[in-house]
PDB file of N, CA and C in Angstrom:
ATOM      1  N   MET A   1     122.842 104.562  83.750  1.00  0.00           N
ATOM      2  CA  MET A   1     121.558 104.763  84.082  1.00  0.00           C
ATOM      3  C   MET A   1     121.386 106.252  84.194  1.00  0.00           C
ATOM      4  N   ASN A   2     120.196 106.841  83.710  1.00  0.00           N
ATOM      5  CA  ASN A   2     119.921 108.190  83.836  1.00  0.00           C
ATOM      6  C   ASN A   2     118.921 108.379  85.037  1.00  0.00           C
ATOM      7  N   ILE A   3     119.229 109.334  85.835  1.00  0.00           N
ATOM      8  CA  ILE A   3     118.395 109.720  86.977  1.00  0.00           C
ATOM      9  C   ILE A   3     117.586 110.966  86.618  1.00  0.00           C
ATOM     10  N   MET A   4     116.277 110.894  86.772  1.00  0.00           N
ATOM     11  CA  MET A   4     115.394 111.900  86.270  1.00  0.00           C
ATOM     12  C   MET A   4     114.235 112.135  87.256  1.00  0.00           C
ATOM     13  N   ILE A   5     113.588 113.328  87.139  1.00  0.00           N
ATOM     14  CA  ILE A   5     112.395 113.592  87.895  1.00  0.00           C
ATOM     15  C   ILE A   5     111.174 113.450  87.065  1.00  0.00           C
ATOM     16  N   GLU A   6     110.217 112.684  87.581  1.00  0.00           N
ATOM     17  CA  GLU A   6     108.949 112.307  86.869  1.00  0.00           C
ATOM     18  C   GLU A   6     107.753 112.958  87.673  1.00  0.00           C
ATOM     19  N   ASN A   7     106.896 113.697  86.996  1.00  0.00           N
ATOM     20  CA  ASN A   7     105.726 114.127  87.640  1.00  0.00           C
ATOM     21  C   ASN A   7     104.824 112.933  87.734  1.00  0.00           C
ATOM     22  N   ALA A   8     104.493 112.661  89.030  1.00  0.00           N
ATOM     23  CA  ALA A   8     103.755 111.439  89.382  1.00  0.00           C
ATOM     24  C   ALA A   8     102.301 111.456  88.770  1.00  0.00           C
ATOM     25  N   ASP A   9     101.827 112.692  88.628  1.00  0.00           N
ATOM     26  CA  ASP A   9     100.398 112.747  88.114  1.00  0.00           C
ATOM     27  C   ASP A   9     100.175 112.556  86.668  1.00  0.00           C
ATOM     28  N   CYS A  10     101.148 113.074  85.959  1.00  0.00           N
ATOM     29  CA  CYS A  10     100.834 113.067  84.424  1.00  0.00           C
ATOM     30  C   CYS A  10     102.101 112.328  83.774  1.00  0.00           C
ATOM     31  N   LEU A  11     103.002 111.730  84.508  1.00  0.00           N
ATOM     32  CA  LEU A  11     104.042 110.877  83.952  1.00  0.00           C
ATOM     33  C   LEU A  11     104.845 111.712  82.906  1.00  0.00           C
ATOM     34  N   GLU A  12     105.184 112.916  83.160  1.00  0.00           N
ATOM     35  CA  GLU A  12     106.097 113.687  82.368  1.00  0.00           C
ATOM     36  C   GLU A  12     107.418 113.920  83.070  1.00  0.00           C
ATOM     37  N   TYR A  13     108.422 114.316  82.403  1.00  0.00           N
ATOM     38  CA  TYR A  13     109.672 114.539  82.869  1.00  0.00           C
ATOM     39  C   TYR A  13     110.256 115.975  82.932  1.00  0.00           C
ATOM     40  N   LEU A  14     110.850 116.230  83.986  1.00  0.00           N
ATOM     41  CA  LEU A  14     111.322 117.687  84.093  1.00  0.00           C
ATOM     42  C   LEU A  14     112.579 117.844  83.142  1.00  0.00           C
ATOM     43  N   THR A  15     112.441 118.950  82.330  1.00  0.00           N
ATOM     44  CA  THR A  15     113.543 119.295  81.439  1.00  0.00           C
ATOM     45  C   THR A  15     114.493 120.263  82.027  1.00  0.00           C
ATOM     46  N   GLY A  16     115.638 120.513  81.355  1.00  0.00           N
ATOM     47  CA  GLY A  16     116.560 121.505  81.813  1.00  0.00           C
ATOM     48  C   GLY A  16     116.068 122.884  81.851  1.00  0.00           C
ATOM     49  N   GLU A  17     114.929 123.141  81.148  1.00  0.00           N
ATOM     50  CA  GLU A  17     114.321 124.460  81.133  1.00  0.00           C
ATOM     51  C   GLU A  17     113.317 124.590  82.136  1.00  0.00           C
ATOM     52  N   SER A  18     113.181 123.627  83.122  1.00  0.00           N
ATOM     53  CA  SER A  18     112.080 123.557  84.176  1.00  0.00           C
ATOM     54  C   SER A  18     110.706 123.423  83.520  1.00  0.00           C
ATOM     55  N   LEU A  19     110.592 122.873  82.386  1.00  0.00           N
ATOM     56  CA  LEU A  19     109.308 122.523  81.778  1.00  0.00           C
ATOM     57  C   LEU A  19     109.010 120.931  81.832  1.00  0.00           C
ATOM     58  N   TRP A  20     107.892 120.586  81.371  1.00  0.00           N
ATOM     59  CA  TRP A  20     107.670 119.061  81.555  1.00  0.00           C
ATOM     60  C   TRP A  20     107.505 118.552  80.059  1.00  0.00           C
ATOM     61  N   SER A  21     107.984 117.369  79.874  1.00  0.00           N
ATOM     62  CA  SER A  21     107.887 116.648  78.475  1.00  0.00           C
ATOM     63  C   SER A  21     107.525 115.329  78.690  1.00  0.00           C
ATOM     64  N   LYS A  22     106.798 114.749  77.728  1.00  0.00           N
ATOM     65  CA  LYS A  22     106.466 113.305  77.630  1.00  0.00           C
ATOM     66  C   LYS A  22     107.716 112.616  77.116  1.00  0.00           C
ATOM     67  N   LYS A  23     108.647 113.214  76.334  1.00  0.00           N
ATOM     68  CA  LYS A  23     109.759 112.560  75.769  1.00  0.00           C
ATOM     69  C   LYS A  23     110.904 112.458  76.756  1.00  0.00           C
ATOM     70  N   ILE A  24     111.157 111.248  77.070  1.00  0.00           N
ATOM     71  CA  ILE A  24     112.412 110.888  77.976  1.00  0.00           C
ATOM     72  C   ILE A  24     113.614 111.602  77.454  1.00  0.00           C
ATOM     73  N   ALA A  25     113.877 111.596  76.210  1.00  0.00           N
ATOM     74  CA  ALA A  25     115.090 112.086  75.791  1.00  0.00           C
ATOM     75  C   ALA A  25     115.382 113.612  76.001  1.00  0.00           C
ATOM     76  N   THR A  26     114.297 114.418  76.307  1.00  0.00           N
ATOM     77  CA  THR A  26     114.425 115.807  76.681  1.00  0.00           C
ATOM     78  C   THR A  26     114.474 116.015  78.183  1.00  0.00           C
ATOM     79  N   GLY A  27     114.263 115.014  79.046  1.00  0.00           N
ATOM     80  CA  GLY A  27     114.493 115.084  80.382  1.00  0.00           C
ATOM     81  C   GLY A  27     115.763 115.503  80.962  1.00  0.00           C
ATOM     82  N   LYS A  28     115.857 116.346  82.043  1.00  0.00           N
ATOM     83  CA  LYS A  28     117.089 116.716  82.673  1.00  0.00           C
ATOM     84  C   LYS A  28     117.596 115.458  83.436  1.00  0.00           C
ATOM     85  N   ARG A  29     118.891 115.184  83.214  1.00  0.00           N
ATOM     86  CA  ARG A  29     119.558 114.106  83.976  1.00  0.00           C
ATOM     87  C   ARG A  29     120.306 114.585  85.111  1.00  0.00           C
ATOM     88  N   PHE A  30     120.320 113.875  86.256  1.00  0.00           N
ATOM     89  CA  PHE A  30     121.014 114.260  87.504  1.00  0.00           C
ATOM     90  C   PHE A  30     122.108 113.186  87.760  1.00  0.00           C
ATOM     91  N   ALA A  31     123.170 113.635  88.350  1.00  0.00           N
ATOM     92  CA  ALA A  31     124.194 112.784  88.637  1.00  0.00           C
ATOM     93  C   ALA A  31     123.964 111.775  89.796  1.00  0.00           C
ATOM     94  N   THR A  32     123.206 112.271  90.731  1.00  0.00           N
ATOM     95  CA  THR A  32     122.820 111.293  91.859  1.00  0.00           C
ATOM     96  C   THR A  32     121.423 111.454  92.334  1.00  0.00           C
ATOM     97  N   THR A  33     120.896 110.479  92.971  1.00  0.00           N
ATOM     98  CA  THR A  33     119.492 110.363  93.539  1.00  0.00           C
ATOM     99  C   THR A  33     119.326 111.637  94.370  1.00  0.00           C
ATOM    100  N   PRO A  34     120.317 111.841  95.461  1.00  0.00           N
ATOM    101  CA  PRO A  34     120.081 113.040  96.362  1.00  0.00           C
ATOM    102  C   PRO A  34     120.017 114.286  95.683  1.00  0.00           C
ATOM    103  N   GLU A  35     120.804 114.479  94.662  1.00  0.00           N
ATOM    104  CA  GLU A  35     120.735 115.759  93.887  1.00  0.00           C
ATOM    105  C   GLU A  35     119.308 116.008  93.299  1.00  0.00           C
ATOM    106  N   ALA A  36     118.837 114.805  92.714  1.00  0.00           N
ATOM    107  CA  ALA A  36     117.469 115.051  92.011  1.00  0.00           C
ATOM    108  C   ALA A  36     116.406 115.253  93.081  1.00  0.00           C
ATOM    109  N   MET A  37     116.622 114.587  94.316  1.00  0.00           N
ATOM    110  CA  MET A  37     115.602 114.825  95.388  1.00  0.00           C
ATOM    111  C   MET A  37     115.464 116.314  95.741  1.00  0.00           C
ATOM    112  N   VAL A  38     116.673 116.929  95.833  1.00  0.00           N
ATOM    113  CA  VAL A  38     116.781 118.341  96.402  1.00  0.00           C
ATOM    114  C   VAL A  38     115.989 119.174  95.373  1.00  0.00           C
ATOM    115  N   ALA A  39     116.332 118.965  94.052  1.00  0.00           N
ATOM    116  CA  ALA A  39     115.807 119.693  92.954  1.00  0.00           C
ATOM    117  C   ALA A  39     114.300 119.528  92.894  1.00  0.00           C
ATOM    118  N   ALA A  40     113.845 118.361  93.107  1.00  0.00           N
ATOM    119  CA  ALA A  40     112.418 118.088  92.961  1.00  0.00           C
ATOM    120  C   ALA A  40     111.633 118.707  94.162  1.00  0.00           C
ATOM    121  N   GLN A  41     112.161 118.606  95.365  1.00  0.00           N
ATOM    122  CA  GLN A  41     111.603 119.266  96.589  1.00  0.00           C
ATOM    123  C   GLN A  41     111.492 120.715  96.473  1.00  0.00           C
ATOM    124  N   GLN A  42     112.350 121.330  95.660  1.00  0.00           N
ATOM    125  CA  GLN A  42     112.363 122.739  95.546  1.00  0.00           C
ATOM    126  C   GLN A  42     111.526 123.260  94.407  1.00  0.00           C
ATOM    127  N   ALA A  43     111.123 122.348  93.549  1.00  0.00           N
ATOM    128  CA  ALA A  43     110.374 122.687  92.363  1.00  0.00           C
ATOM    129  C   ALA A  43     108.862 122.919  92.676  1.00  0.00           C
ATOM    130  N   GLN A  44     108.263 123.713  91.735  1.00  0.00           N
ATOM    131  CA  GLN A  44     106.879 123.993  91.845  1.00  0.00           C
ATOM    132  C   GLN A  44     106.044 122.755  91.283  1.00  0.00           C
ATOM    133  N   ILE A  45     106.108 121.631  91.894  1.00  0.00           N
ATOM    134  CA  ILE A  45     105.319 120.450  91.497  1.00  0.00           C
ATOM    135  C   ILE A  45     104.727 119.888  92.775  1.00  0.00           C
ATOM    136  N   GLY A  46     103.778 118.952  92.512  1.00  0.00           N
ATOM    137  CA  GLY A  46     103.119 118.163  93.547  1.00  0.00           C
ATOM    138  C   GLY A  46     103.953 116.902  93.799  1.00  0.00           C
ATOM    139  N   LYS A  47     103.168 115.850  93.622  1.00  0.00           N
ATOM    140  CA  LYS A  47     103.928 114.533  93.701  1.00  0.00           C
ATOM    141  C   LYS A  47     104.943 114.221  92.618  1.00  0.00           C
ATOM    142  N   PHE A  48     105.941 113.676  92.929  1.00  0.00           N
ATOM    143  CA  PHE A  48     107.059 113.329  91.978  1.00  0.00           C
ATOM    144  C   PHE A  48     107.739 111.988  92.356  1.00  0.00           C
ATOM    145  N   ASN A  49     108.334 111.373  91.354  1.00  0.00           N
ATOM    146  CA  ASN A  49     109.032 110.152  91.493  1.00  0.00           C
ATOM    147  C   ASN A  49     110.511 110.541  90.954  1.00  0.00           C
ATOM    148  N   ILE A  50     111.474 110.008  91.643  1.00  0.00           N
ATOM    149  CA  ILE A  50     112.847 109.969  91.171  1.00  0.00           C
ATOM    150  C   ILE A  50     113.048 108.646  90.532  1.00  0.00           C
ATOM    151  N   VAL A  51     113.332 108.638  89.182  1.00  0.00           N
ATOM    152  CA  VAL A  51     113.378 107.401  88.359  1.00  0.00           C
ATOM    153  C   VAL A  51     114.701 107.279  87.755  1.00  0.00           C
ATOM    154  N   GLY A  52     115.109 106.070  87.683  1.00  0.00           N
ATOM    155  CA  GLY A  52     116.305 105.675  87.021  1.00  0.00           C
ATOM    156  C   GLY A  52     115.789 105.112  85.630  1.00  0.00           C
ATOM    157  N   TYR A  53     116.446 105.576  84.450  1.00  0.00           N
ATOM    158  CA  TYR A  53     116.085 105.141  83.183  1.00  0.00           C
ATOM    159  C   TYR A  53     117.196 104.439  82.473  1.00  0.00           C
ATOM    160  N   ILE A  54     117.027 103.169  82.055  1.00  0.00           N
ATOM    161  CA  ILE A  54     118.095 102.500  81.396  1.00  0.00           C
ATOM    162  C   ILE A  54     117.751 102.500  79.889  1.00  0.00           C
ATOM    163  N   ALA A  55     118.428 103.338  79.095  1.00  0.00           N
ATOM    164  CA  ALA A  55     118.040 103.587  77.787  1.00  0.00           C
ATOM    165  C   ALA A  55     118.149 102.331  76.856  1.00  0.00           C
ATOM    166  N   GLU A  56     119.184 101.477  77.119  1.00  0.00           N
ATOM    167  CA  GLU A  56     119.421 100.223  76.312  1.00  0.00           C
ATOM    168  C   GLU A  56     118.261  99.288  76.350  1.00  0.00           C
ATOM    169  N   THR A  57     117.604  99.173  77.487  1.00  0.00           N
ATOM    170  CA  THR A  57     116.531  98.277  77.736  1.00  0.00           C
ATOM    171  C   THR A  57     115.119  98.945  77.824  1.00  0.00           C
ATOM    172  N   LYS A  58     115.254 100.308  77.840  1.00  0.00           N
ATOM    173  CA  LYS A  58     113.988 101.117  78.071  1.00  0.00           C
ATOM    174  C   LYS A  58     113.147 100.766  79.279  1.00  0.00           C
ATOM    175  N   GLN A  59     113.971 100.602  80.395  1.00  0.00           N
ATOM    176  CA  GLN A  59     113.379 100.195  81.705  1.00  0.00           C
ATOM    177  C   GLN A  59     113.484 101.397  82.612  1.00  0.00           C
ATOM    178  N   PHE A  60     112.422 101.426  83.390  1.00  0.00           N
ATOM    179  CA  PHE A  60     112.362 102.466  84.495  1.00  0.00           C
ATOM    180  C   PHE A  60     112.556 101.792  85.755  1.00  0.00           C
ATOM    181  N   ILE A  61     113.180 102.420  86.756  1.00  0.00           N
ATOM    182  CA  ILE A  61     113.310 101.948  88.123  1.00  0.00           C
ATOM    183  C   ILE A  61     112.930 103.093  89.089  1.00  0.00           C
ATOM    184  N   ASN A  62     111.950 102.956  89.916  1.00  0.00           N
ATOM    185  CA  ASN A  62     111.547 103.877  90.926  1.00  0.00           C
ATOM    186  C   ASN A  62     112.670 103.904  92.028  1.00  0.00           C
ATOM    187  N   LEU A  63     113.256 105.030  92.165  1.00  0.00           N
ATOM    188  CA  LEU A  63     114.402 105.194  93.119  1.00  0.00           C
ATOM    189  C   LEU A  63     113.859 105.871  94.457  1.00  0.00           C
ATOM    190  N   ASN A  64     112.899 106.800  94.272  1.00  0.00           N
ATOM    191  CA  ASN A  64     112.374 107.505  95.368  1.00  0.00           C
ATOM    192  C   ASN A  64     111.181 108.329  94.996  1.00  0.00           C
ATOM    193  N   HIS A  65     110.507 108.885  95.945  1.00  0.00           N
ATOM    194  CA  HIS A  65     109.284 109.714  95.689  1.00  0.00           C
ATOM    195  C   HIS A  65     109.117 110.746  96.779  1.00  0.00           C
ATOM    196  N   GLY A  66     108.308 111.785  96.469  1.00  0.00           N
ATOM    197  CA  GLY A  66     108.033 112.769  97.407  1.00  0.00           C
ATOM    198  C   GLY A  66     107.006 113.810  96.873  1.00  0.00           C
ATOM    199  N   ARG A  67     107.070 114.923  97.479  1.00  0.00           N
ATOM    200  CA  ARG A  67     106.166 116.185  97.179  1.00  0.00           C
ATOM    201  C   ARG A  67     106.985 117.374  97.093  1.00  0.00           C
ATOM    202  N   GLY A  68     106.806 118.073  95.978  1.00  0.00           N
ATOM    203  CA  GLY A  68     107.542 119.465  95.941  1.00  0.00           C
ATOM    204  C   GLY A  68     106.762 120.541  96.569  1.00  0.00           C
ATOM    205  N   ARG A  69     106.954 121.747  96.054  1.00  0.00           N
ATOM    206  CA  ARG A  69     106.393 122.951  96.658  1.00  0.00           C
ATOM    207  C   ARG A  69     105.070 123.230  96.033  1.00  0.00           C
ATOM    208  N   GLY A  70     104.633 122.530  94.998  1.00  0.00           N
ATOM    209  CA  GLY A  70     103.491 122.923  94.203  1.00  0.00           C
ATOM    210  C   GLY A  70     102.144 122.490  94.914  1.00  0.00           C
TER     211      GLY A  70
END
């Protein structure tokens, strides 16, 4: 499972370059949910979701949510 940060307003994924992309393949992957939470809370974004993505079945699992510094 890939753990990623999703912008809750526009459903885009945070990339390794701190940009947003609609393409799931370009999203930055985190090793753990807490690691993704810390990164998201420090980012210049509003509402976010921490999602798990299972590539084989193309399924998303909401793991957590919150608000960043944006």
